[in-house]
Amino acid sequence: MEELLDRIVIDPDILVGKPIIKGTRIPVYLIIELLANGMTKKQILKEYPQLVEEDIRAALLYASRTLEREVTVTL
């Protein structure tokens, strides 16, 4: 499963350093947003033919790991 994260890159010269799918300019947040808005994997892959299913899984895993490291602040 960790090898999925190799599909995500952060390059300050591409989209101001936002995490993207390797070899594209498609940001991780866009994939998460599309899924949250009800698009299926199949629809995303049709809309963005440069992606493969592993890219979508990688975006989800990246988001999960990022949220897992967040620090909770109690007010």
PDB file of N, CA and C in Angstrom:
ATOM      1  N   MET A   1       0.813  -1.190   0.000  1.00  0.00           N
ATOM      2  CA  MET A   1       0.000   0.000   0.000  1.00  0.00           C
ATOM      3  C   MET A   1       0.862   1.262   0.000  1.00  0.00           C
ATOM      4  N   GLU A   2       1.986   1.229   0.673  1.00  0.00           N
ATOM      5  CA  GLU A   2       2.857   2.401   0.738  1.00  0.00           C
ATOM      6  C   GLU A   2       3.387   2.817  -0.634  1.00  0.00           C
ATOM      7  N   GLU A   3       3.520   1.838  -1.546  1.00  0.00           N
ATOM      8  CA  GLU A   3       4.021   2.177  -2.877  1.00  0.00           C
ATOM      9  C   GLU A   3       3.063   3.103  -3.617  1.00  0.00           C
ATOM     10  N   LEU A   4       1.811   3.116  -3.210  1.00  0.00           N
ATOM     11  CA  LEU A   4       0.847   4.051  -3.807  1.00  0.00           C
ATOM     12  C   LEU A   4       1.291   5.500  -3.590  1.00  0.00           C
ATOM     13  N   LEU A   5       1.892   5.765  -2.448  1.00  0.00           N
ATOM     14  CA  LEU A   5       2.305   7.132  -2.143  1.00  0.00           C
ATOM     15  C   LEU A   5       3.412   7.621  -3.074  1.00  0.00           C
ATOM     16  N   ASP A   6       4.105   6.715  -3.749  1.00  0.00           N
ATOM     17  CA  ASP A   6       5.116   7.117  -4.736  1.00  0.00           C
ATOM     18  C   ASP A   6       4.476   7.800  -5.944  1.00  0.00           C
ATOM     19  N   ARG A   7       3.170   7.666  -6.080  1.00  0.00           N
ATOM     20  CA  ARG A   7       2.445   8.280  -7.196  1.00  0.00           C
ATOM     21  C   ARG A   7       2.166   9.763  -6.929  1.00  0.00           C
ATOM     22  N   ILE A   8       2.406  10.216  -5.693  1.00  0.00           N
ATOM     23  CA  ILE A   8       2.154  11.597  -5.299  1.00  0.00           C
ATOM     24  C   ILE A   8       3.488  12.335  -5.213  1.00  0.00           C
ATOM     25  N   VAL A   9       3.556  13.510  -5.826  1.00  0.00           N
ATOM     26  CA  VAL A   9       4.769  14.317  -5.741  1.00  0.00           C
ATOM     27  C   VAL A   9       4.422  15.744  -5.331  1.00  0.00           C
ATOM     28  N   ILE A  10       5.395  16.376  -4.701  1.00  0.00           N
ATOM     29  CA  ILE A  10       5.277  17.779  -4.325  1.00  0.00           C
ATOM     30  C   ILE A  10       6.474  18.488  -4.925  1.00  0.00           C
ATOM     31  N   ASP A  11       6.203  19.403  -5.834  1.00  0.00           N
ATOM     32  CA  ASP A  11       7.247  20.146  -6.534  1.00  0.00           C
ATOM     33  C   ASP A  11       6.874  21.625  -6.472  1.00  0.00           C
ATOM     34  N   PRO A  12       7.709  22.436  -5.831  1.00  0.00           N
ATOM     35  CA  PRO A  12       7.370  23.854  -5.695  1.00  0.00           C
ATOM     36  C   PRO A  12       7.184  24.569  -7.037  1.00  0.00           C
ATOM     37  N   ASP A  13       7.667  23.985  -8.118  1.00  0.00           N
ATOM     38  CA  ASP A  13       7.518  24.596  -9.435  1.00  0.00           C
ATOM     39  C   ASP A  13       6.225  24.186 -10.142  1.00  0.00           C
ATOM     40  N   ILE A  14       5.469  23.277  -9.536  1.00  0.00           N
ATOM     41  CA  ILE A  14       4.203  22.831 -10.124  1.00  0.00           C
ATOM     42  C   ILE A  14       3.078  23.110  -9.135  1.00  0.00           C
ATOM     43  N   LEU A  15       2.133  23.915  -9.543  1.00  0.00           N
ATOM     44  CA  LEU A  15       0.968  24.273  -8.717  1.00  0.00           C
ATOM     45  C   LEU A  15       1.365  24.748  -7.319  1.00  0.00           C
ATOM     46  N   VAL A  16       2.417  25.526  -7.273  1.00  0.00           N
ATOM     47  CA  VAL A  16       2.896  26.139  -6.031  1.00  0.00           C
ATOM     48  C   VAL A  16       3.153  25.103  -4.937  1.00  0.00           C
ATOM     49  N   GLY A  17       3.577  23.913  -5.331  1.00  0.00           N
ATOM     50  CA  GLY A  17       3.949  22.890  -4.361  1.00  0.00           C
ATOM     51  C   GLY A  17       2.808  22.069  -3.803  1.00  0.00           C
ATOM     52  N   LYS A  18       1.624  22.184  -4.381  1.00  0.00           N
ATOM     53  CA  LYS A  18       0.513  21.338  -3.925  1.00  0.00           C
ATOM     54  C   LYS A  18       0.785  19.895  -4.349  1.00  0.00           C
ATOM     55  N   PRO A  19       0.382  18.930  -3.540  1.00  0.00           N
ATOM     56  CA  PRO A  19       0.580  17.525  -3.918  1.00  0.00           C
ATOM     57  C   PRO A  19      -0.203  17.206  -5.188  1.00  0.00           C
ATOM     58  N   ILE A  20       0.476  16.577  -6.140  1.00  0.00           N
ATOM     59  CA  ILE A  20      -0.139  16.225  -7.416  1.00  0.00           C
ATOM     60  C   ILE A  20       0.130  14.759  -7.730  1.00  0.00           C
ATOM     61  N   ILE A  21      -0.598  14.248  -8.719  1.00  0.00           N
ATOM     62  CA  ILE A  21      -0.326  12.903  -9.221  1.00  0.00           C
ATOM     63  C   ILE A  21       0.904  12.994 -10.120  1.00  0.00           C
ATOM     64  N   LYS A  22       1.871  12.162  -9.861  1.00  0.00           N
ATOM     65  CA  LYS A  22       3.134  12.151 -10.592  1.00  0.00           C
ATOM     66  C   LYS A  22       2.897  12.111 -12.107  1.00  0.00           C
ATOM     67  N   GLY A  23       3.599  12.990 -12.827  1.00  0.00           N
ATOM     68  CA  GLY A  23       3.509  13.021 -14.276  1.00  0.00           C
ATOM     69  C   GLY A  23       2.324  13.810 -14.808  1.00  0.00           C
ATOM     70  N   THR A  24       1.573  14.437 -13.890  1.00  0.00           N
ATOM     71  CA  THR A  24       0.426  15.242 -14.296  1.00  0.00           C
ATOM     72  C   THR A  24       0.479  16.581 -13.558  1.00  0.00           C
ATOM     73  N   ARG A  25      -0.498  17.394 -13.826  1.00  0.00           N
ATOM     74  CA  ARG A  25      -0.699  18.618 -13.050  1.00  0.00           C
ATOM     75  C   ARG A  25      -2.029  18.515 -12.299  1.00  0.00           C
ATOM     76  N   ILE A  26      -2.448  17.290 -12.022  1.00  0.00           N
ATOM     77  CA  ILE A  26      -3.717  17.061 -11.342  1.00  0.00           C
ATOM     78  C   ILE A  26      -3.462  16.975  -9.836  1.00  0.00           C
ATOM     79  N   PRO A  27      -4.001  17.943  -9.079  1.00  0.00           N
ATOM     80  CA  PRO A  27      -3.759  17.942  -7.637  1.00  0.00           C
ATOM     81  C   PRO A  27      -4.591  16.898  -6.902  1.00  0.00           C
ATOM     82  N   VAL A  28      -4.036  16.422  -5.820  1.00  0.00           N
ATOM     83  CA  VAL A  28      -4.715  15.438  -4.971  1.00  0.00           C
ATOM     84  C   VAL A  28      -6.058  15.983  -4.512  1.00  0.00           C
ATOM     85  N   TYR A  29      -6.088  17.266  -4.113  1.00  0.00           N
ATOM     86  CA  TYR A  29      -7.336  17.819  -3.593  1.00  0.00           C
ATOM     87  C   TYR A  29      -8.460  17.749  -4.623  1.00  0.00           C
ATOM     88  N   LEU A  30      -8.145  17.868  -5.907  1.00  0.00           N
ATOM     89  CA  LEU A  30      -9.173  17.811  -6.941  1.00  0.00           C
ATOM     90  C   LEU A  30      -9.821  16.429  -6.981  1.00  0.00           C
ATOM     91  N   ILE A  31      -9.011  15.400  -6.895  1.00  0.00           N
ATOM     92  CA  ILE A  31      -9.552  14.039  -6.917  1.00  0.00           C
ATOM     93  C   ILE A  31     -10.452  13.805  -5.709  1.00  0.00           C
ATOM     94  N   ILE A  32     -10.023  14.249  -4.536  1.00  0.00           N
ATOM     95  CA  ILE A  32     -10.822  14.097  -3.325  1.00  0.00           C
ATOM     96  C   ILE A  32     -12.137  14.867  -3.464  1.00  0.00           C
ATOM     97  N   GLU A  33     -12.045  16.069  -3.996  1.00  0.00           N
ATOM     98  CA  GLU A  33     -13.242  16.896  -4.180  1.00  0.00           C
ATOM     99  C   GLU A  33     -14.229  16.262  -5.163  1.00  0.00           C
ATOM    100  N   LEU A  34     -13.712  15.707  -6.247  1.00  0.00           N
ATOM    101  CA  LEU A  34     -14.583  15.052  -7.221  1.00  0.00           C
ATOM    102  C   LEU A  34     -15.311  13.866  -6.597  1.00  0.00           C
ATOM    103  N   LEU A  35     -14.589  13.067  -5.827  1.00  0.00           N
ATOM    104  CA  LEU A  35     -15.211  11.938  -5.135  1.00  0.00           C
ATOM    105  C   LEU A  35     -16.251  12.416  -4.117  1.00  0.00           C
ATOM    106  N   ALA A  36     -15.919  13.469  -3.385  1.00  0.00           N
ATOM    107  CA  ALA A  36     -16.838  14.004  -2.383  1.00  0.00           C
ATOM    108  C   ALA A  36     -18.118  14.534  -3.019  1.00  0.00           C
ATOM    109  N   ASN A  37     -18.005  14.998  -4.251  1.00  0.00           N
ATOM    110  CA  ASN A  37     -19.165  15.535  -4.959  1.00  0.00           C
ATOM    111  C   ASN A  37     -19.925  14.472  -5.733  1.00  0.00           C
ATOM    112  N   GLY A  38     -19.570  13.215  -5.521  1.00  0.00           N
ATOM    113  CA  GLY A  38     -20.355  12.124  -6.068  1.00  0.00           C
ATOM    114  C   GLY A  38     -19.860  11.488  -7.355  1.00  0.00           C
ATOM    115  N   MET A  39     -18.736  11.962  -7.899  1.00  0.00           N
ATOM    116  CA  MET A  39     -18.212  11.310  -9.097  1.00  0.00           C
ATOM    117  C   MET A  39     -17.675   9.932  -8.726  1.00  0.00           C
ATOM    118  N   THR A  40     -17.876   8.982  -9.610  1.00  0.00           N
ATOM    119  CA  THR A  40     -17.334   7.647  -9.393  1.00  0.00           C
ATOM    120  C   THR A  40     -15.904   7.598  -9.919  1.00  0.00           C
ATOM    121  N   LYS A  41     -15.184   6.559  -9.526  1.00  0.00           N
ATOM    122  CA  LYS A  41     -13.833   6.366 -10.064  1.00  0.00           C
ATOM    123  C   LYS A  41     -13.878   6.298 -11.582  1.00  0.00           C
ATOM    124  N   LYS A  42     -14.851   5.578 -12.088  1.00  0.00           N
ATOM    125  CA  LYS A  42     -14.985   5.410 -13.533  1.00  0.00           C
ATOM    126  C   LYS A  42     -15.191   6.760 -14.228  1.00  0.00           C
ATOM    127  N   GLN A  43     -16.014   7.615 -13.648  1.00  0.00           N
ATOM    128  CA  GLN A  43     -16.252   8.938 -14.232  1.00  0.00           C
ATOM    129  C   GLN A  43     -14.982   9.798 -14.201  1.00  0.00           C
ATOM    130  N   ILE A  44     -14.259   9.722 -13.104  1.00  0.00           N
ATOM    131  CA  ILE A  44     -13.014  10.501 -12.992  1.00  0.00           C
ATOM    132  C   ILE A  44     -12.010  10.035 -14.034  1.00  0.00           C
ATOM    133  N   LEU A  45     -11.882   8.715 -14.181  1.00  0.00           N
ATOM    134  CA  LEU A  45     -10.930   8.173 -15.152  1.00  0.00           C
ATOM    135  C   LEU A  45     -11.327   8.545 -16.581  1.00  0.00           C
ATOM    136  N   LYS A  46     -12.605   8.657 -16.842  1.00  0.00           N
ATOM    137  CA  LYS A  46     -13.060   9.063 -18.170  1.00  0.00           C
ATOM    138  C   LYS A  46     -12.763  10.549 -18.407  1.00  0.00           C
ATOM    139  N   GLU A  47     -12.987  11.368 -17.384  1.00  0.00           N
ATOM    140  CA  GLU A  47     -12.761  12.817 -17.479  1.00  0.00           C
ATOM    141  C   GLU A  47     -11.268  13.161 -17.541  1.00  0.00           C
ATOM    142  N   TYR A  48     -10.458  12.365 -16.876  1.00  0.00           N
ATOM    143  CA  TYR A  48      -8.997  12.581 -16.809  1.00  0.00           C
ATOM    144  C   TYR A  48      -8.298  11.303 -17.263  1.00  0.00           C
ATOM    145  N   PRO A  49      -8.223  11.072 -18.567  1.00  0.00           N
ATOM    146  CA  PRO A  49      -7.689   9.807 -19.081  1.00  0.00           C
ATOM    147  C   PRO A  49      -6.213   9.557 -18.756  1.00  0.00           C
ATOM    148  N   GLN A  50      -5.500  10.585 -18.320  1.00  0.00           N
ATOM    149  CA  GLN A  50      -4.104  10.379 -17.939  1.00  0.00           C
ATOM    150  C   GLN A  50      -3.981   9.705 -16.574  1.00  0.00           C
ATOM    151  N   LEU A  51      -5.089   9.576 -15.853  1.00  0.00           N
ATOM    152  CA  LEU A  51      -5.085   8.905 -14.557  1.00  0.00           C
ATOM    153  C   LEU A  51      -5.399   7.424 -14.708  1.00  0.00           C
ATOM    154  N   VAL A  52      -4.949   6.664 -13.727  1.00  0.00           N
ATOM    155  CA  VAL A  52      -5.328   5.259 -13.605  1.00  0.00           C
ATOM    156  C   VAL A  52      -5.919   5.080 -12.209  1.00  0.00           C
ATOM    157  N   GLU A  53      -6.577   3.955 -11.996  1.00  0.00           N
ATOM    158  CA  GLU A  53      -7.257   3.737 -10.715  1.00  0.00           C
ATOM    159  C   GLU A  53      -6.307   3.861  -9.523  1.00  0.00           C
ATOM    160  N   GLU A  54      -5.078   3.433  -9.674  1.00  0.00           N
ATOM    161  CA  GLU A  54      -4.105   3.527  -8.578  1.00  0.00           C
ATOM    162  C   GLU A  54      -3.855   4.979  -8.184  1.00  0.00           C
ATOM    163  N   ASP A  55      -3.979   5.910  -9.126  1.00  0.00           N
ATOM    164  CA  ASP A  55      -3.805   7.331  -8.803  1.00  0.00           C
ATOM    165  C   ASP A  55      -4.901   7.807  -7.856  1.00  0.00           C
ATOM    166  N   ILE A  56      -6.119   7.358  -8.077  1.00  0.00           N
ATOM    167  CA  ILE A  56      -7.230   7.731  -7.207  1.00  0.00           C
ATOM    168  C   ILE A  56      -7.026   7.139  -5.822  1.00  0.00           C
ATOM    169  N   ARG A  57      -6.621   5.886  -5.774  1.00  0.00           N
ATOM    170  CA  ARG A  57      -6.334   5.250  -4.486  1.00  0.00           C
ATOM    171  C   ARG A  57      -5.190   5.960  -3.766  1.00  0.00           C
ATOM    172  N   ALA A  58      -4.188   6.374  -4.523  1.00  0.00           N
ATOM    173  CA  ALA A  58      -3.054   7.093  -3.938  1.00  0.00           C
ATOM    174  C   ALA A  58      -3.507   8.423  -3.347  1.00  0.00           C
ATOM    175  N   ALA A  59      -4.387   9.120  -4.043  1.00  0.00           N
ATOM    176  CA  ALA A  59      -4.891  10.401  -3.540  1.00  0.00           C
ATOM    177  C   ALA A  59      -5.638  10.205  -2.227  1.00  0.00           C
ATOM    178  N   LEU A  60      -6.456   9.170  -2.160  1.00  0.00           N
ATOM    179  CA  LEU A  60      -7.190   8.879  -0.926  1.00  0.00           C
ATOM    180  C   LEU A  60      -6.246   8.514   0.213  1.00  0.00           C
ATOM    181  N   LEU A  61      -5.258   7.701  -0.081  1.00  0.00           N
ATOM    182  CA  LEU A  61      -4.294   7.312   0.948  1.00  0.00           C
ATOM    183  C   LEU A  61      -3.494   8.518   1.426  1.00  0.00           C
ATOM    184  N   TYR A  62      -3.074   9.364   0.502  1.00  0.00           N
ATOM    185  CA  TYR A  62      -2.330  10.571   0.865  1.00  0.00           C
ATOM    186  C   TYR A  62      -3.179  11.451   1.782  1.00  0.00           C
ATOM    187  N   ALA A  63      -4.435  11.662   1.412  1.00  0.00           N
ATOM    188  CA  ALA A  63      -5.321  12.486   2.234  1.00  0.00           C
ATOM    189  C   ALA A  63      -5.482  11.876   3.624  1.00  0.00           C
ATOM    190  N   SER A  64      -5.664  10.575   3.689  1.00  0.00           N
ATOM    191  CA  SER A  64      -5.818   9.891   4.964  1.00  0.00           C
ATOM    192  C   SER A  64      -4.572  10.061   5.836  1.00  0.00           C
ATOM    193  N   ARG A  65      -3.413   9.849   5.249  1.00  0.00           N
ATOM    194  CA  ARG A  65      -2.165   9.964   6.029  1.00  0.00           C
ATOM    195  C   ARG A  65      -1.926  11.407   6.475  1.00  0.00           C
ATOM    196  N   THR A  66      -2.286  12.363   5.643  1.00  0.00           N
ATOM    197  CA  THR A  66      -2.118  13.766   6.006  1.00  0.00           C
ATOM    198  C   THR A  66      -3.021  14.124   7.182  1.00  0.00           C
ATOM    199  N   LEU A  67      -4.270  13.686   7.128  1.00  0.00           N
ATOM    200  CA  LEU A  67      -5.202  13.968   8.224  1.00  0.00           C
ATOM    201  C   LEU A  67      -4.807  13.232   9.497  1.00  0.00           C
ATOM    202  N   GLU A  68      -4.243  12.053   9.346  1.00  0.00           N
ATOM    203  CA  GLU A  68      -3.817  11.262  10.501  1.00  0.00           C
ATOM    204  C   GLU A  68      -2.748  12.004  11.305  1.00  0.00           C
ATOM    205  N   ARG A  69      -1.922  12.791  10.612  1.00  0.00           N
ATOM    206  CA  ARG A  69      -0.829  13.524  11.284  1.00  0.00           C
ATOM    207  C   ARG A  69      -1.260  14.872  11.842  1.00  0.00           C
ATOM    208  N   GLU A  70      -2.483  15.300  11.546  1.00  0.00           N
ATOM    209  CA  GLU A  70      -2.943  16.587  12.043  1.00  0.00           C
ATOM    210  C   GLU A  70      -2.973  16.598  13.570  1.00  0.00           C
ATOM    211  N   VAL A  71      -2.654  17.737  14.122  1.00  0.00           N
ATOM    212  CA  VAL A  71      -2.693  17.911  15.559  1.00  0.00           C
ATOM    213  C   VAL A  71      -4.051  18.492  15.925  1.00  0.00           C
ATOM    214  N   THR A  72      -4.664  17.911  16.921  1.00  0.00           N
ATOM    215  CA  THR A  72      -5.953  18.397  17.391  1.00  0.00           C
ATOM    216  C   THR A  72      -5.728  19.487  18.423  1.00  0.00           C
ATOM    217  N   VAL A  73      -6.385  20.606  18.213  1.00  0.00           N
ATOM    218  CA  VAL A  73      -6.283  21.721  19.152  1.00  0.00           C
ATOM    219  C   VAL A  73      -7.627  21.875  19.836  1.00  0.00           C
ATOM    220  N   THR A  74      -7.596  21.898  21.152  1.00  0.00           N
ATOM    221  CA  THR A  74      -8.815  22.095  21.934  1.00  0.00           C
ATOM    222  C   THR A  74      -8.862  23.526  22.399  1.00  0.00           C
ATOM    223  N   LEU A  75      -9.996  24.171  22.180  1.00  0.00           N
ATOM    224  CA  LEU A  75     -10.162  25.550  22.613  1.00  0.00           C
ATOM    225  C   LEU A  75     -10.797  25.622  23.976  1.00  0.00           C
TER     226      LEU A  75
END
